C-alpha atoms as a PDB file:
ATOM      1  CA  UNK A   1      47.341  22.774  68.468  1.00  0.00           C
ATOM      2  CA  UNK A   2      44.602  20.903  67.275  1.00  0.00           C
ATOM      3  CA  UNK A   3      45.458  19.036  64.184  1.00  0.00           C
ATOM      4  CA  UNK A   4      42.386  18.903  61.569  1.00  0.00           C
ATOM      5  CA  UNK A   5      42.870  15.930  58.995  1.00  0.00           C
ATOM      6  CA  UNK A   6      40.711  16.401  55.720  1.00  0.00           C
ATOM      7  CA  UNK A   7      39.925  13.286  53.685  1.00  0.00           C
ATOM      8  CA  UNK A   8      41.329  13.206  49.966  1.00  0.00           C
ATOM      9  CA  UNK A   9      38.655  12.441  47.413  1.00  0.00           C
ATOM     10  CA  UNK A  10      39.055  10.280  45.039  1.00  0.00           C
ATOM     11  CA  UNK A  11      38.144  11.386  41.392  1.00  0.00           C
ATOM     12  CA  UNK A  12      37.100   8.685  38.677  1.00  0.00           C
ATOM     13  CA  UNK A  13      38.259   9.234  35.532  1.00  0.00           C
ATOM     14  CA  UNK A  14      34.784  10.659  33.343  1.00  0.00           C
ATOM     15  CA  UNK A  15      34.674   7.342  31.240  1.00  0.00           C
ATOM     16  CA  UNK A  16      35.218   4.953  34.194  1.00  0.00           C
ATOM     17  CA  UNK A  17      32.368   6.949  36.177  1.00  0.00           C
ATOM     18  CA  UNK A  18      30.157   6.803  33.141  1.00  0.00           C
ATOM     19  CA  UNK A  19      30.980   2.962  32.920  1.00  0.00           C
ATOM     20  CA  UNK A  20      30.568   2.628  36.218  1.00  0.00           C
ATOM     21  CA  UNK A  21      26.905   4.073  36.513  1.00  0.00           C
ATOM     22  CA  UNK A  22      25.675   2.203  33.403  1.00  0.00           C
ATOM     23  CA  UNK A  23      26.839  -1.032  34.651  1.00  0.00           C
ATOM     24  CA  UNK A  24      23.829  -1.941  36.838  1.00  0.00           C
ATOM     25  CA  UNK A  25      21.720  -1.216  33.618  1.00  0.00           C
ATOM     26  CA  UNK A  26      23.848  -3.403  31.004  1.00  0.00           C
ATOM     27  CA  UNK A  27      23.586  -6.614  34.002  1.00  0.00           C
ATOM     28  CA  UNK A  28      20.053  -6.407  33.166  1.00  0.00           C
ATOM     29  CA  UNK A  29      19.099  -6.743  29.650  1.00  0.00           C
ATOM     30  CA  UNK A  30      20.130  -8.421  27.154  1.00  0.00           C
ATOM     31  CA  UNK A  31      20.242  -8.123  22.899  1.00  0.00           C
ATOM     32  CA  UNK A  32      17.142  -9.870  21.637  1.00  0.00           C
ATOM     33  CA  UNK A  33      14.409  -9.541  19.112  1.00  0.00           C
ATOM     34  CA  UNK A  34      10.939  -8.007  18.818  1.00  0.00           C
ATOM     35  CA  UNK A  35       8.490  -9.502  16.617  1.00  0.00           C
ATOM     36  CA  UNK A  36       5.204  -8.000  15.626  1.00  0.00           C
ATOM     37  CA  UNK A  37       2.490 -10.032  14.093  1.00  0.00           C
ATOM     38  CA  UNK A  38      -1.419  -9.128  12.731  1.00  0.00           C
ATOM     39  CA  UNK A  39      -3.617 -11.669  13.571  1.00  0.00           C
ATOM     40  CA  UNK A  40      -6.954 -12.010  10.793  1.00  0.00           C
ATOM     41  CA  UNK A  41     -10.108 -13.968  11.730  1.00  0.00           C
ATOM     42  CA  UNK A  42     -13.018 -14.881   9.728  1.00  0.00           C
ATOM     43  CA  UNK A  43     -16.622 -14.933  11.078  1.00  0.00           C
ATOM     44  CA  UNK A  44     -17.081 -17.626  13.598  1.00  0.00           C
ATOM     45  CA  UNK A  45     -21.375 -18.018  14.738  1.00  0.00           C
ATOM     46  CA  UNK A  46     -22.495 -14.495  14.777  1.00  0.00           C
ATOM     47  CA  UNK A  47     -19.170 -12.812  15.076  1.00  0.00           C
ATOM     48  CA  UNK A  48     -17.758 -10.514  12.137  1.00  0.00           C
ATOM     49  CA  UNK A  49     -13.968 -10.686  11.197  1.00  0.00           C
ATOM     50  CA  UNK A  50     -11.845  -9.306  13.893  1.00  0.00           C
ATOM     51  CA  UNK A  51      -8.283  -8.507  13.899  1.00  0.00           C
ATOM     52  CA  UNK A  52      -5.490  -7.899  16.614  1.00  0.00           C
ATOM     53  CA  UNK A  53      -1.945  -7.298  17.091  1.00  0.00           C
ATOM     54  CA  UNK A  54       0.470  -9.530  18.974  1.00  0.00           C
ATOM     55  CA  UNK A  55       4.001  -8.570  20.230  1.00  0.00           C
ATOM     56  CA  UNK A  56       6.661 -11.090  20.641  1.00  0.00           C
ATOM     57  CA  UNK A  57       9.865 -10.313  22.465  1.00  0.00           C
ATOM     58  CA  UNK A  58      12.993 -12.645  22.477  1.00  0.00           C
ATOM     59  CA  UNK A  59      15.937 -12.732  24.469  1.00  0.00           C
ATOM     60  CA  UNK A  60      18.202 -14.376  27.132  1.00  0.00           C
ATOM     61  CA  UNK A  61      16.657 -17.823  26.133  1.00  0.00           C
ATOM     62  CA  UNK A  62      13.348 -16.716  26.688  1.00  0.00           C
ATOM     63  CA  UNK A  63      10.018 -15.452  24.913  1.00  0.00           C
ATOM     64  CA  UNK A  64       7.069 -13.311  26.244  1.00  0.00           C
ATOM     65  CA  UNK A  65       4.167 -13.131  23.695  1.00  0.00           C
ATOM     66  CA  UNK A  66       1.755 -10.066  24.619  1.00  0.00           C
ATOM     67  CA  UNK A  67      -1.767 -10.011  23.117  1.00  0.00           C
ATOM     68  CA  UNK A  68      -3.848  -6.682  22.277  1.00  0.00           C
ATOM     69  CA  UNK A  69      -7.418  -5.781  22.829  1.00  0.00           C
ATOM     70  CA  UNK A  70     -10.297  -6.007  25.588  1.00  0.00           C
ATOM     71  CA  UNK A  71      -9.070  -9.039  26.872  1.00  0.00           C
ATOM     72  CA  UNK A  72      -5.370  -8.706  27.083  1.00  0.00           C
ATOM     73  CA  UNK A  73      -3.261 -11.543  28.292  1.00  0.00           C
ATOM     74  CA  UNK A  74       0.317 -12.484  27.719  1.00  0.00           C
ATOM     75  CA  UNK A  75       2.471 -15.673  28.504  1.00  0.00           C
ATOM     76  CA  UNK A  76       6.096 -16.228  28.972  1.00  0.00           C
ATOM     77  CA  UNK A  77       8.148 -19.079  27.736  1.00  0.00           C
ATOM     78  CA  UNK A  78      11.050 -20.646  29.215  1.00  0.00           C
ATOM     79  CA  UNK A  79      12.523 -23.714  27.502  1.00  0.00           C
ATOM     80  CA  UNK A  80      15.335 -24.012  30.038  1.00  0.00           C
ATOM     81  CA  UNK A  81      13.067 -24.767  33.175  1.00  0.00           C
ATOM     82  CA  UNK A  82      10.324 -26.338  31.039  1.00  0.00           C
ATOM     83  CA  UNK A  83       7.664 -23.659  32.456  1.00  0.00           C
ATOM     84  CA  UNK A  84       4.860 -21.764  30.425  1.00  0.00           C
ATOM     85  CA  UNK A  85       3.729 -19.024  32.549  1.00  0.00           C
ATOM     86  CA  UNK A  86       0.206 -17.627  31.653  1.00  0.00           C
ATOM     87  CA  UNK A  87      -0.736 -13.992  32.730  1.00  0.00           C
ATOM     88  CA  UNK A  88      -4.410 -12.368  32.556  1.00  0.00           C
ATOM     89  CA  UNK A  89      -2.985  -8.796  32.403  1.00  0.00           C
ATOM     90  CA  UNK A  90      -6.649  -7.557  32.686  1.00  0.00           C
ATOM     91  CA  UNK A  91      -7.300  -9.252  36.229  1.00  0.00           C
ATOM     92  CA  UNK A  92      -3.727  -9.141  37.091  1.00  0.00           C
ATOM     93  CA  UNK A  93      -3.511 -13.113  37.544  1.00  0.00           C
ATOM     94  CA  UNK A  94      -1.221 -15.792  36.960  1.00  0.00           C
ATOM     95  CA  UNK A  95      -0.733 -19.314  36.436  1.00  0.00           C
ATOM     96  CA  UNK A  96       1.750 -21.540  35.419  1.00  0.00           C
ATOM     97  CA  UNK A  97       2.665 -25.080  33.359  1.00  0.00           C
ATOM     98  CA  UNK A  98       5.407 -27.488  33.536  1.00  0.00           C
ATOM     99  CA  UNK A  99       5.470 -29.328  30.102  1.00  0.00           C
ATOM    100  CA  UNK A 100       7.216 -32.221  32.273  1.00  0.00           C
ATOM    101  CA  UNK A 101       4.159 -32.130  34.428  1.00  0.00           C
ATOM    102  CA  UNK A 102       2.085 -32.112  31.244  1.00  0.00           C
ATOM    103  CA  UNK A 103       3.986 -35.471  29.975  1.00  0.00           C
ATOM    104  CA  UNK A 104       3.277 -37.142  32.905  1.00  0.00           C
ATOM    105  CA  UNK A 105      -0.732 -36.396  33.109  1.00  0.00           C
ATOM    106  CA  UNK A 106      -0.776 -37.634  29.250  1.00  0.00           C
ATOM    107  CA  UNK A 107       1.133 -40.766  30.340  1.00  0.00           C
ATOM    108  CA  UNK A 108      -1.699 -41.679  32.833  1.00  0.00           C
ATOM    109  CA  UNK A 109      -4.017 -44.700  31.810  1.00  0.00           C
ATOM    110  CA  UNK A 110      -6.804 -42.627  31.997  1.00  0.00           C
ATOM    111  CA  UNK A 111      -5.801 -40.536  29.471  1.00  0.00           C
ATOM    112  CA  UNK A 112      -5.266 -43.071  26.549  1.00  0.00           C
ATOM    113  CA  UNK A 113      -8.143 -42.385  24.583  1.00  0.00           C
ATOM    114  CA  UNK A 114      -6.953 -38.503  24.277  1.00  0.00           C
ATOM    115  CA  UNK A 115      -3.614 -39.799  23.128  1.00  0.00           C
ATOM    116  CA  UNK A 116      -4.733 -42.236  20.674  1.00  0.00           C
ATOM    117  CA  UNK A 117      -6.411 -39.253  19.133  1.00  0.00           C
ATOM    118  CA  UNK A 118      -3.324 -37.006  19.167  1.00  0.00           C
ATOM    119  CA  UNK A 119      -1.149 -39.956  17.961  1.00  0.00           C
ATOM    120  CA  UNK A 120      -3.499 -40.721  14.915  1.00  0.00           C
ATOM    121  CA  UNK A 121      -2.955 -36.812  13.506  1.00  0.00           C
ATOM    122  CA  UNK A 122      -0.881 -36.596  10.584  1.00  0.00           C
ATOM    123  CA  UNK A 123       0.830 -33.818   9.483  1.00  0.00           C
ATOM    124  CA  UNK A 124       2.136 -33.220   5.866  1.00  0.00           C
ATOM    125  CA  UNK A 125       4.289 -30.518   4.136  1.00  0.00           C
ATOM    126  CA  UNK A 126       5.097 -30.032   0.504  1.00  0.00           C
ATOM    127  CA  UNK A 127       7.842 -27.367  -0.796  1.00  0.00           C
ATOM    128  CA  UNK A 128       5.637 -25.869  -3.434  1.00  0.00           C
ATOM    129  CA  UNK A 129       8.451 -23.802  -4.468  1.00  0.00           C
ATOM    130  CA  UNK A 130       6.629 -20.922  -5.406  1.00  0.00           C
ATOM    131  CA  UNK A 131       8.036 -17.452  -3.801  1.00  0.00           C
ATOM    132  CA  UNK A 132       6.809 -14.136  -3.646  1.00  0.00           C
ATOM    133  CA  UNK A 133       7.573 -10.871  -1.514  1.00  0.00           C
ATOM    134  CA  UNK A 134       6.075 -10.024   1.632  1.00  0.00           C
ATOM    135  CA  UNK A 135       6.529  -7.229   3.373  1.00  0.00           C
ATOM    136  CA  UNK A 136      10.517  -6.978   3.293  1.00  0.00           C
ATOM    137  CA  UNK A 137      11.029 -10.568   2.949  1.00  0.00           C
ATOM    138  CA  UNK A 138      11.368 -12.989   0.116  1.00  0.00           C
ATOM    139  CA  UNK A 139       9.673 -15.675   1.096  1.00  0.00           C
ATOM    140  CA  UNK A 140       8.773 -19.360   0.017  1.00  0.00           C
ATOM    141  CA  UNK A 141       5.402 -21.341   0.044  1.00  0.00           C
ATOM    142  CA  UNK A 142       4.771 -24.393   2.321  1.00  0.00           C
ATOM    143  CA  UNK A 143       1.527 -26.246   1.770  1.00  0.00           C
ATOM    144  CA  UNK A 144       0.707 -28.047   5.130  1.00  0.00           C
ATOM    145  CA  UNK A 145      -2.023 -30.538   5.819  1.00  0.00           C
ATOM    146  CA  UNK A 146      -2.921 -31.669   9.592  1.00  0.00           C
ATOM    147  CA  UNK A 147      -5.566 -34.685   9.409  1.00  0.00           C
ATOM    148  CA  UNK A 148      -6.899 -35.885  12.639  1.00  0.00           C
ATOM    149  CA  UNK A 149      -9.618 -34.551  15.421  1.00  0.00           C
ATOM    150  CA  UNK A 150      -9.741 -31.787  12.601  1.00  0.00           C
ATOM    151  CA  UNK A 151      -8.867 -31.498   9.346  1.00  0.00           C
ATOM    152  CA  UNK A 152      -6.554 -28.339   8.816  1.00  0.00           C
ATOM    153  CA  UNK A 153      -5.093 -26.523   6.117  1.00  0.00           C
ATOM    154  CA  UNK A 154      -2.426 -23.856   5.866  1.00  0.00           C
ATOM    155  CA  UNK A 155      -0.342 -22.004   3.618  1.00  0.00           C
ATOM    156  CA  UNK A 156       3.178 -21.206   5.199  1.00  0.00           C
ATOM    157  CA  UNK A 157       5.447 -18.638   3.756  1.00  0.00           C
ATOM    158  CA  UNK A 158       8.742 -18.825   5.098  1.00  0.00           C
ATOM    159  CA  UNK A 159      11.969 -16.657   4.831  1.00  0.00           C
ATOM    160  CA  UNK A 160      15.601 -17.722   4.870  1.00  0.00           C
ATOM    161  CA  UNK A 161      16.079 -13.870   5.480  1.00  0.00           C
ATOM    162  CA  UNK A 162      15.750 -14.064   9.431  1.00  0.00           C
ATOM    163  CA  UNK A 163      17.944 -15.645  11.492  1.00  0.00           C
ATOM    164  CA  UNK A 164      15.843 -16.473  14.540  1.00  0.00           C
ATOM    165  CA  UNK A 165      15.140 -20.222  15.368  1.00  0.00           C
ATOM    166  CA  UNK A 166      11.790 -20.252  17.350  1.00  0.00           C
ATOM    167  CA  UNK A 167      11.499 -24.064  17.461  1.00  0.00           C
ATOM    168  CA  UNK A 168      11.868 -24.017  20.917  1.00  0.00           C
ATOM    169  CA  UNK A 169       9.408 -22.225  21.793  1.00  0.00           C
ATOM    170  CA  UNK A 170       7.046 -24.188  19.354  1.00  0.00           C
ATOM    171  CA  UNK A 171       7.920 -27.462  20.557  1.00  0.00           C
ATOM    172  CA  UNK A 172       7.114 -26.337  24.430  1.00  0.00           C
ATOM    173  CA  UNK A 173       3.498 -24.955  22.875  1.00  0.00           C
ATOM    174  CA  UNK A 174       3.259 -28.397  21.637  1.00  0.00           C
ATOM    175  CA  UNK A 175       4.415 -30.233  24.517  1.00  0.00           C
ATOM    176  CA  UNK A 176       1.939 -28.089  26.881  1.00  0.00           C
ATOM    177  CA  UNK A 177      -0.915 -28.863  24.591  1.00  0.00           C
ATOM    178  CA  UNK A 178      -0.353 -32.894  24.433  1.00  0.00           C
ATOM    179  CA  UNK A 179       2.880 -33.781  26.124  1.00  0.00           C
ATOM    180  CA  UNK A 180       5.340 -35.956  24.273  1.00  0.00           C
ATOM    181  CA  UNK A 181       2.873 -38.341  22.741  1.00  0.00           C
ATOM    182  CA  UNK A 182       3.610 -41.236  20.203  1.00  0.00           C
ATOM    183  CA  UNK A 183       4.168 -39.950  16.999  1.00  0.00           C
ATOM    184  CA  UNK A 184       5.083 -36.375  18.165  1.00  0.00           C
ATOM    185  CA  UNK A 185       8.614 -36.637  16.896  1.00  0.00           C
ATOM    186  CA  UNK A 186       7.377 -37.443  13.144  1.00  0.00           C
ATOM    187  CA  UNK A 187       4.864 -34.649  13.289  1.00  0.00           C
ATOM    188  CA  UNK A 188       7.910 -32.020  14.495  1.00  0.00           C
ATOM    189  CA  UNK A 189       9.888 -33.614  11.838  1.00  0.00           C
ATOM    190  CA  UNK A 190       7.610 -33.413   8.929  1.00  0.00           C
ATOM    191  CA  UNK A 191       7.437 -29.239   9.858  1.00  0.00           C
ATOM    192  CA  UNK A 192      10.672 -28.952  10.203  1.00  0.00           C
ATOM    193  CA  UNK A 193      10.640 -29.188   6.743  1.00  0.00           C
ATOM    194  CA  UNK A 194       9.682 -25.411   6.544  1.00  0.00           C
ATOM    195  CA  UNK A 195      12.762 -23.787   6.232  1.00  0.00           C
ATOM    196  CA  UNK A 196      13.449 -20.594   7.849  1.00  0.00           C
ATOM    197  CA  UNK A 197      11.078 -18.085   9.299  1.00  0.00           C
ATOM    198  CA  UNK A 198       7.480 -18.144   9.343  1.00  0.00           C
ATOM    199  CA  UNK A 199       6.095 -14.687   7.642  1.00  0.00           C
ATOM    200  CA  UNK A 200       2.426 -15.427   6.841  1.00  0.00           C
ATOM    201  CA  UNK A 201       0.388 -18.357   7.730  1.00  0.00           C
ATOM    202  CA  UNK A 202      -2.909 -19.102   6.167  1.00  0.00           C
ATOM    203  CA  UNK A 203      -5.407 -21.673   7.849  1.00  0.00           C
ATOM    204  CA  UNK A 204      -8.584 -23.189   6.981  1.00  0.00           C
ATOM    205  CA  UNK A 205     -10.743 -25.584   8.671  1.00  0.00           C
ATOM    206  CA  UNK A 206     -14.473 -26.662   8.998  1.00  0.00           C
ATOM    207  CA  UNK A 207     -16.026 -25.942  12.693  1.00  0.00           C
ATOM    208  CA  UNK A 208     -19.637 -26.947  12.792  1.00  0.00           C
ATOM    209  CA  UNK A 209     -20.431 -26.785   9.034  1.00  0.00           C
ATOM    210  CA  UNK A 210     -19.215 -23.383   9.005  1.00  0.00           C
ATOM    211  CA  UNK A 211     -15.487 -22.581   7.185  1.00  0.00           C
ATOM    212  CA  UNK A 212     -13.041 -20.640   9.641  1.00  0.00           C
ATOM    213  CA  UNK A 213     -10.148 -18.849   8.138  1.00  0.00           C
ATOM    214  CA  UNK A 214      -7.175 -17.494  10.297  1.00  0.00           C
ATOM    215  CA  UNK A 215      -4.470 -15.544   8.999  1.00  0.00           C
ATOM    216  CA  UNK A 216      -1.206 -14.624  10.954  1.00  0.00           C
ATOM    217  CA  UNK A 217       1.426 -12.124   9.792  1.00  0.00           C
ATOM    218  CA  UNK A 218       4.818 -10.743  10.874  1.00  0.00           C
ATOM    219  CA  UNK A 219       4.918  -7.384   9.711  1.00  0.00           C
ATOM    220  CA  UNK A 220       8.180  -5.958  12.026  1.00  0.00           C
ATOM    221  CA  UNK A 221      10.832  -8.162  13.347  1.00  0.00           C
ATOM    222  CA  UNK A 222      13.691  -6.016  14.832  1.00  0.00           C
ATOM    223  CA  UNK A 223      16.667  -6.676  17.134  1.00  0.00           C
ATOM    224  CA  UNK A 224      16.203  -4.911  20.722  1.00  0.00           C
ATOM    225  CA  UNK A 225      18.042  -4.718  24.011  1.00  0.00           C
ATOM    226  CA  UNK A 226      15.522  -5.914  26.630  1.00  0.00           C
ATOM    227  CA  UNK A 227      15.178  -5.787  30.100  1.00  0.00           C
ATOM    228  CA  UNK A 228      15.506  -9.403  31.963  1.00  0.00           C
ATOM    229  CA  UNK A 229      13.192  -8.375  34.466  1.00  0.00           C
ATOM    230  CA  UNK A 230      10.411  -8.018  31.381  1.00  0.00           C
ATOM    231  CA  UNK A 231      10.308 -11.886  31.791  1.00  0.00           C
ATOM    232  CA  UNK A 232       9.163 -11.974  35.199  1.00  0.00           C
ATOM    233  CA  UNK A 233       5.751 -12.092  36.639  1.00  0.00           C
ATOM    234  CA  UNK A 234       5.090  -8.247  38.046  1.00  0.00           C
ATOM    235  CA  UNK A 235       4.688  -8.560  41.937  1.00  0.00           C
ATOM    236  CA  UNK A 236       1.213  -7.484  42.022  1.00  0.00           C
ATOM    237  CA  UNK A 237       0.042 -10.169  40.050  1.00  0.00           C
ATOM    238  CA  UNK A 238      -1.737 -13.061  41.891  1.00  0.00           C
ATOM    239  CA  UNK A 239      -1.085 -16.558  41.452  1.00  0.00           C
ATOM    240  CA  UNK A 240      -4.672 -18.701  40.309  1.00  0.00           C
ATOM    241  CA  UNK A 241      -4.723 -22.674  39.915  1.00  0.00           C
ATOM    242  CA  UNK A 242      -6.088 -23.574  36.368  1.00  0.00           C
ATOM    243  CA  UNK A 243      -9.776 -23.296  36.338  1.00  0.00           C
ATOM    244  CA  UNK A 244     -10.452 -20.229  38.303  1.00  0.00           C
ATOM    245  CA  UNK A 245     -11.752 -18.219  35.228  1.00  0.00           C
ATOM    246  CA  UNK A 246      -8.107 -17.945  33.713  1.00  0.00           C
ATOM    247  CA  UNK A 247      -7.360 -19.576  30.035  1.00  0.00           C
ATOM    248  CA  UNK A 248      -4.399 -19.831  27.982  1.00  0.00           C
ATOM    249  CA  UNK A 249      -4.006 -17.020  25.483  1.00  0.00           C
ATOM    250  CA  UNK A 250      -5.032 -17.021  21.835  1.00  0.00           C
ATOM    251  CA  UNK A 251      -1.615 -16.224  20.847  1.00  0.00           C
ATOM    252  CA  UNK A 252       1.293 -18.075  20.103  1.00  0.00           C
ATOM    253  CA  UNK A 253       4.926 -18.176  18.688  1.00  0.00           C
ATOM    254  CA  UNK A 254       5.096 -17.954  14.935  1.00  0.00           C
ATOM    255  CA  UNK A 255       4.001 -21.093  13.724  1.00  0.00           C
ATOM    256  CA  UNK A 256       6.450 -23.682  12.365  1.00  0.00           C
END
């Protein structure tokens, strides 16, 4: 007699089966924030007023800023690694900047004049005590003056009703632009007088005899679950060296 053995199938409870199916998804996503910002600019040279949309995503200790428009671009900031990745989404190209490398480059003797110019920038922040409702948030007005290579006057309306600290990212952007310059700590300490999350920032400056006015207004802030691979460079993007037609995107983290 031939014995036929039938394998016994083990059935998982429905709850465990669902958990097993969802586990891979849960492992590659993090709770985070989505921020929507409208950018407005006054006339520059022959161009008229412009308006654009920036979408910012924060999760797992990283930030991604995605700009809209014909020349769409984006950037990824990773404070833990010190690397900022700039992506040209139209050309599917990218390049990276390490803020430590920028600091070393700025420390070179050949950059002494540039360091001196940047270090002479003076920043002052005044709490005006004025408040107003902007969108969903009660905001407080701060008057900011930046004097150096160019004088910039700002109105920063910030709210303490949003529990989100973007300072690690704004500091990365400052380091990427100037390195760890003398006086930088004092400038950041002054900016830290702005309490809360900036909702509306109005900046005015003079460029070649023309007053330029820009506004950035946050219109939405909400919690979202964001996939971790959203903060990685797509496989079909090509690495380019700086100076090969690539330029840092115009968008930036909320000013502070």
